[in-house]
Amino acid sequence: MKPPPFEYHAPRDLGEALRTLAEVGGKVLAGGQSLIPMLNMRLAAPAHLVDINRLQELRVLETTEDGVRVGAAVRHAEVERAEAHPLLSRALRLVAHPVIRNRGTVVGSLVHADPAAELPAVLAVLGGSVRVARWEGQVRDVGAEEFFVGPMESAVQPGELAVSAFFPALGARTGAAFEEVARRHGDYALAGVCAVVTLDEDGDVEAARLACIGVGPVPVVVDVTDSPADAARAVRERVEPEDDIHASARYRRHLVGVLAERALRNATREATREAEARGA
């Protein structure tokens, strides 16, 4: 199938891109790995398409002690190769296939807000944020808890552009894990869980958070600091899975509990190794 007619815009800098979005609106084209199929299947029919691939300002990948900032034109594969953030790199290896990761963008995946996608869960469990800009210099940072509004719906408003995403660094004595089950590697997960665990100086759990995918309209974040041994029950009570042709809601609810226990166990093991390495 072919996409419906649209007017193509190729701005040369960020200012021009923001001005174009303010004037005509439309959809933003970055990696296009989600947008192009939606256009071809007539699931989206924007009158204008604004291509941001020429904007060097959006090709920034910055790593500091506080975390990693990823520009809107940075590809999955670039971030994966940089190994700038352990959990982000781990999640990216689960995203589709290499040919998709060579074109798809991290920020594009966040804006697409697919509840079965891995990267929204990573942003959510870390408490990260997305920087959104508008023409005439208006910039706002939207926390993950507010950024994902619903399935395939983010907080980016018409005329705005998500210019970067910030993933906070893992702290001291902290480990992370990402566990998911898919029918085939590279397919969307039937369910998935990422975990971040921090230990105190005595080796006990100081903080533990989980984020679940494929079992709700947005990533489901569950704090299990007070009851890590009861993580499976806590997660199953919070999720809202639905039946579809791939799995029943009952199966997904059971599966996400199993994955929660596994992710929490692996994150705790990694945190222990990290703590021991620091103490050596």
Protein backbone atom coordinates (compact mmCIF):
# COMPACT_ATOMS: atom_id res chain seq x y z
CA MET A 1 0.00 0.00 0.00
CA LYS A 2 1.01 3.61 -0.49
CA PRO A 3 0.66 6.43 2.03
CA PRO A 4 -1.96 9.16 1.55
CA PRO A 5 -0.69 12.43 0.01
CA PHE A 6 1.29 14.77 2.27
CA GLU A 7 3.55 17.79 1.96
CA TYR A 8 7.18 17.01 2.81
CA HIS A 9 9.34 19.46 4.78
CA ALA A 10 13.10 19.11 5.30
CA PRO A 11 14.20 21.88 7.72
CA ARG A 12 17.91 22.69 7.90
CA ASP A 13 18.09 23.60 11.59
CA LEU A 14 16.10 23.27 14.79
CA GLY A 15 14.63 26.76 14.56
CA GLU A 16 13.24 26.10 11.10
CA ALA A 17 11.83 22.76 12.24
CA LEU A 18 10.04 24.33 15.20
CA ARG A 19 8.70 27.16 13.05
CA THR A 20 7.39 24.66 10.50
CA LEU A 21 5.65 22.62 13.17
CA ALA A 22 4.12 25.76 14.64
CA GLU A 23 2.82 26.87 11.24
CA VAL A 24 1.60 23.62 9.67
CA GLY A 25 1.68 20.95 12.39
CA GLY A 26 1.92 17.47 10.94
CA LYS A 27 3.97 14.41 11.90
CA VAL A 28 7.68 14.32 12.66
CA LEU A 29 9.85 11.88 10.71
CA ALA A 30 13.01 10.65 12.46
CA GLY A 31 13.71 6.93 12.08
CA GLY A 32 10.32 6.23 10.52
CA GLN A 33 10.25 2.60 11.64
CA SER A 34 6.81 3.05 13.19
CA LEU A 35 5.50 6.02 11.24
CA ILE A 36 6.10 4.73 7.69
CA PRO A 37 4.18 1.46 8.20
CA MET A 38 1.34 3.44 9.79
CA LEU A 39 1.25 5.74 6.75
CA ASN A 40 1.31 2.82 4.33
CA MET A 41 -1.55 1.12 6.16
CA ARG A 42 -3.48 4.42 6.26
CA LEU A 43 -3.53 4.35 10.07
CA ALA A 44 -2.09 7.88 9.97
CA ALA A 45 -2.81 10.52 7.36
CA PRO A 46 -0.97 13.76 8.20
CA ALA A 47 -1.17 16.63 5.75
CA HIS A 48 2.47 17.50 6.48
CA LEU A 49 5.60 15.47 7.26
CA VAL A 50 8.54 17.24 8.93
CA ASP A 51 11.85 15.39 8.47
CA ILE A 52 14.33 16.14 11.30
CA ASN A 53 17.18 13.95 10.06
CA ARG A 54 19.23 16.92 8.84
CA LEU A 55 19.27 18.61 12.24
CA GLN A 56 22.75 18.17 13.71
CA GLU A 57 21.56 19.73 17.00
CA LEU A 58 19.50 16.58 17.58
CA ARG A 59 22.36 14.11 17.04
CA VAL A 60 23.72 14.64 20.55
CA LEU A 61 24.55 11.74 22.88
CA GLU A 62 25.85 13.12 26.18
CA THR A 63 26.98 11.06 29.17
CA THR A 64 27.54 12.65 32.58
CA GLU A 65 27.65 11.44 36.17
CA ASP A 66 23.93 12.20 36.38
CA GLY A 67 22.87 10.17 33.38
CA VAL A 68 22.57 10.05 29.59
CA ARG A 69 20.87 12.58 27.31
CA VAL A 70 19.88 11.24 23.90
CA GLY A 71 19.00 13.61 21.06
CA ALA A 72 15.94 13.03 18.91
CA ALA A 73 17.94 12.03 15.82
CA VAL A 74 20.16 9.47 17.58
CA ARG A 75 19.57 5.89 16.40
CA HIS A 76 18.98 2.88 18.61
CA ALA A 77 22.16 1.28 17.30
CA GLU A 78 24.29 4.32 18.17
CA VAL A 79 23.16 4.27 21.79
CA GLU A 80 23.52 0.50 21.98
CA ARG A 81 27.12 0.64 20.72
CA ALA A 82 28.01 3.51 23.05
CA GLU A 83 27.07 1.40 26.10
CA ALA A 84 26.43 4.65 27.93
CA HIS A 85 23.80 3.23 30.28
CA PRO A 86 23.62 -0.46 31.36
CA LEU A 87 19.83 -0.77 31.49
CA LEU A 88 19.26 1.26 28.32
CA SER A 89 21.79 -0.86 26.41
CA ARG A 90 20.20 -4.06 27.70
CA ALA A 91 16.74 -2.92 26.62
CA LEU A 92 17.91 -1.82 23.19
CA ARG A 93 19.21 -5.31 22.42
CA LEU A 94 15.61 -6.51 22.82
CA VAL A 95 14.19 -3.96 20.36
CA ALA A 96 13.16 -5.60 17.09
CA HIS A 97 16.09 -6.54 14.81
CA PRO A 98 19.43 -4.87 13.89
CA VAL A 99 18.06 -3.43 10.64
CA ILE A 100 15.32 -1.67 12.62
CA ARG A 101 17.74 -0.46 15.29
CA ASN A 102 19.98 1.03 12.60
CA ARG A 103 17.20 3.44 11.61
CA GLY A 104 14.85 3.75 14.58
CA THR A 105 15.45 6.46 17.19
CA VAL A 106 15.26 6.32 20.96
CA VAL A 107 13.20 9.48 21.32
CA GLY A 108 10.92 8.41 18.47
CA SER A 109 10.13 5.20 20.34
CA LEU A 110 9.25 7.18 23.46
CA VAL A 111 6.95 9.55 21.57
CA HIS A 112 5.30 6.63 19.79
CA ALA A 113 4.37 5.41 23.29
CA ASP A 114 3.65 1.80 22.40
CA PRO A 115 2.72 0.08 25.70
CA ALA A 116 4.52 -3.08 24.53
CA ALA A 117 7.79 -1.28 23.74
CA GLU A 118 10.88 -1.56 25.91
CA LEU A 119 12.22 2.00 26.02
CA PRO A 120 9.18 3.66 27.63
CA ALA A 121 9.55 1.18 30.52
CA VAL A 122 13.23 2.07 30.93
CA LEU A 123 12.44 5.79 31.09
CA ALA A 124 9.62 5.10 33.55
CA VAL A 125 11.54 2.86 35.95
CA LEU A 126 14.46 5.30 36.06
CA GLY A 127 12.25 8.34 36.54
CA GLY A 128 13.63 9.97 33.40
CA SER A 129 12.20 12.79 31.31
CA VAL A 130 11.66 14.03 27.77
CA ARG A 131 12.56 17.58 26.72
CA VAL A 132 9.92 19.14 24.49
CA ALA A 133 10.42 22.38 22.53
CA ARG A 134 8.10 24.80 20.77
CA TRP A 135 8.72 27.74 18.43
CA GLU A 136 9.76 31.00 20.13
CA GLY A 137 11.96 29.28 22.68
CA GLN A 138 9.43 27.50 24.86
CA VAL A 139 11.02 24.38 26.39
CA ARG A 140 9.68 22.01 29.01
CA ASP A 141 10.92 18.79 30.60
CA VAL A 142 8.16 16.21 31.04
CA GLY A 143 8.71 13.45 33.57
CA ALA A 144 8.03 9.87 32.53
CA GLU A 145 5.05 9.59 34.87
CA GLU A 146 3.33 12.38 32.91
CA PHE A 147 4.79 11.76 29.46
CA PHE A 148 2.97 8.52 28.67
CA VAL A 149 -0.69 9.49 28.47
CA GLY A 150 -2.17 6.34 26.94
CA PRO A 151 -1.56 3.67 24.30
CA MET A 152 0.22 5.34 21.37
CA GLU A 153 -0.27 8.72 23.04
CA SER A 154 2.39 10.92 24.61
CA ALA A 155 2.33 14.37 26.18
CA VAL A 156 3.83 16.00 23.07
CA GLN A 157 1.28 18.54 21.84
CA PRO A 158 0.60 19.71 18.25
CA GLY A 159 3.33 22.12 17.19
CA GLU A 160 5.85 20.68 19.66
CA LEU A 161 8.97 18.61 19.06
CA ALA A 162 10.53 16.14 21.49
CA VAL A 163 14.19 17.15 21.17
CA SER A 164 15.85 14.78 23.67
CA ALA A 165 15.35 12.27 26.45
CA PHE A 166 17.24 11.99 29.74
CA PHE A 167 17.90 8.63 31.40
CA PRO A 168 19.21 9.03 34.99
CA ALA A 169 22.33 7.05 35.86
CA LEU A 170 22.21 4.02 38.12
CA GLY A 171 23.51 4.95 41.56
CA ALA A 172 26.06 3.23 43.75
CA ARG A 173 25.31 -0.37 44.78
CA THR A 174 22.59 -0.49 42.11
CA GLY A 175 21.79 -3.19 39.59
CA ALA A 176 19.29 -3.46 36.77
CA ALA A 177 17.70 -6.18 34.65
CA PHE A 178 15.21 -6.53 31.80
CA GLU A 179 13.26 -9.73 31.28
CA GLU A 180 10.64 -10.37 28.61
CA VAL A 181 8.95 -13.19 26.72
CA ALA A 182 8.15 -12.93 23.01
CA ARG A 183 6.97 -15.56 20.56
CA ARG A 184 10.11 -14.90 18.50
CA HIS A 185 13.14 -12.76 19.23
CA GLY A 186 12.45 -9.29 17.90
CA ASP A 187 8.67 -9.59 18.13
CA TYR A 188 6.74 -7.44 20.56
CA ALA A 189 6.86 -8.99 24.00
CA LEU A 190 3.82 -10.78 25.39
CA ALA A 191 4.95 -9.21 28.65
CA GLY A 192 8.15 -7.76 30.04
CA VAL A 193 9.58 -6.33 33.24
CA CYS A 194 12.61 -4.16 33.92
CA ALA A 195 13.92 -3.76 37.45
CA VAL A 196 16.24 -1.38 39.28
CA VAL A 197 17.48 -2.39 42.74
CA THR A 198 19.69 -0.44 45.15
CA LEU A 199 21.29 -2.04 48.22
CA ASP A 200 22.32 -0.33 51.43
CA GLU A 201 25.76 -0.72 53.01
CA ASP A 202 24.60 -3.88 54.81
CA GLY A 203 23.49 -5.53 51.58
CA ASP A 204 19.76 -5.15 52.23
CA VAL A 205 17.34 -3.74 49.67
CA GLU A 206 17.18 0.03 50.00
CA ALA A 207 15.04 0.67 46.90
CA ALA A 208 13.41 -1.56 44.28
CA ARG A 209 11.27 -0.48 41.34
CA LEU A 210 9.74 -2.42 38.48
CA ALA A 211 8.23 -1.28 35.19
CA CYS A 212 6.04 -3.65 33.18
CA ILE A 213 5.24 -3.66 29.45
CA GLY A 214 2.47 -5.30 27.46
CA VAL A 215 0.06 -5.40 30.41
CA GLY A 216 -1.48 -1.93 30.48
CA PRO A 217 -2.10 1.21 28.41
CA VAL A 218 1.22 2.71 29.60
CA PRO A 219 4.28 1.28 31.38
CA VAL A 220 3.12 0.07 34.78
CA VAL A 221 5.59 1.14 37.50
CA VAL A 222 5.49 -0.72 40.81
CA ASP A 223 7.60 0.15 43.86
CA VAL A 224 8.39 -3.07 45.75
CA THR A 225 10.95 -1.63 48.17
CA ASP A 226 8.93 -2.65 51.21
CA SER A 227 8.08 -6.14 49.96
CA PRO A 228 10.54 -7.44 47.35
CA ALA A 229 9.68 -11.04 48.26
CA ASP A 230 6.06 -10.33 47.28
CA ALA A 231 6.84 -8.67 43.95
CA ALA A 232 4.84 -11.10 41.82
CA ARG A 233 1.63 -10.45 43.75
CA ALA A 234 2.19 -6.69 43.81
CA VAL A 235 2.68 -6.58 40.04
CA ARG A 236 -0.29 -8.82 39.25
CA GLU A 237 -2.56 -6.57 41.30
CA ARG A 238 -1.47 -3.47 39.40
CA VAL A 239 -1.44 -4.57 35.76
CA GLU A 240 -4.39 -4.40 33.34
CA PRO A 241 -3.71 -6.99 30.61
CA GLU A 242 -6.14 -7.68 27.79
CA ASP A 243 -6.94 -10.73 25.68
CA ASP A 244 -5.71 -10.76 22.09
CA ILE A 245 -4.80 -13.30 19.41
CA HIS A 246 -1.36 -13.87 20.96
CA ALA A 247 -2.22 -14.47 24.63
CA SER A 248 -5.03 -14.27 27.12
CA ALA A 249 -5.16 -11.63 29.85
CA ARG A 250 -4.92 -14.42 32.43
CA TYR A 251 -1.71 -15.75 30.90
CA ARG A 252 -0.17 -12.28 30.67
CA ARG A 253 -1.00 -11.60 34.32
CA HIS A 254 0.67 -14.84 35.37
CA LEU A 255 3.66 -14.23 33.09
CA VAL A 256 4.34 -10.70 34.31
CA GLY A 257 4.53 -11.97 37.89
CA VAL A 258 7.09 -14.60 36.94
CA LEU A 259 9.13 -12.03 35.03
CA ALA A 260 8.94 -9.59 37.96
CA GLU A 261 10.51 -12.14 40.29
CA ARG A 262 13.19 -12.99 37.72
CA ALA A 263 14.05 -9.36 36.92
CA LEU A 264 14.18 -8.45 40.61
CA ARG A 265 16.43 -11.41 41.39
CA ASN A 266 18.82 -10.61 38.53
CA ALA A 267 18.92 -6.89 39.36
CA THR A 268 19.67 -7.71 43.01
CA ARG A 269 22.45 -10.07 41.97
CA GLU A 270 23.96 -7.34 39.79
CA ALA A 271 23.68 -4.81 42.61
CA THR A 272 25.50 -7.20 44.92
CA ARG A 273 28.34 -7.62 42.45
CA GLU A 274 28.56 -3.87 41.98
CA ALA A 275 28.66 -3.32 45.76
CA GLU A 276 31.36 -5.96 46.19
CA ALA A 277 33.42 -4.38 43.40
CA ARG A 278 33.23 -1.00 45.09
CA GLY A 279 34.25 -2.50 48.42
CA ALA A 280 37.21 -4.40 46.95
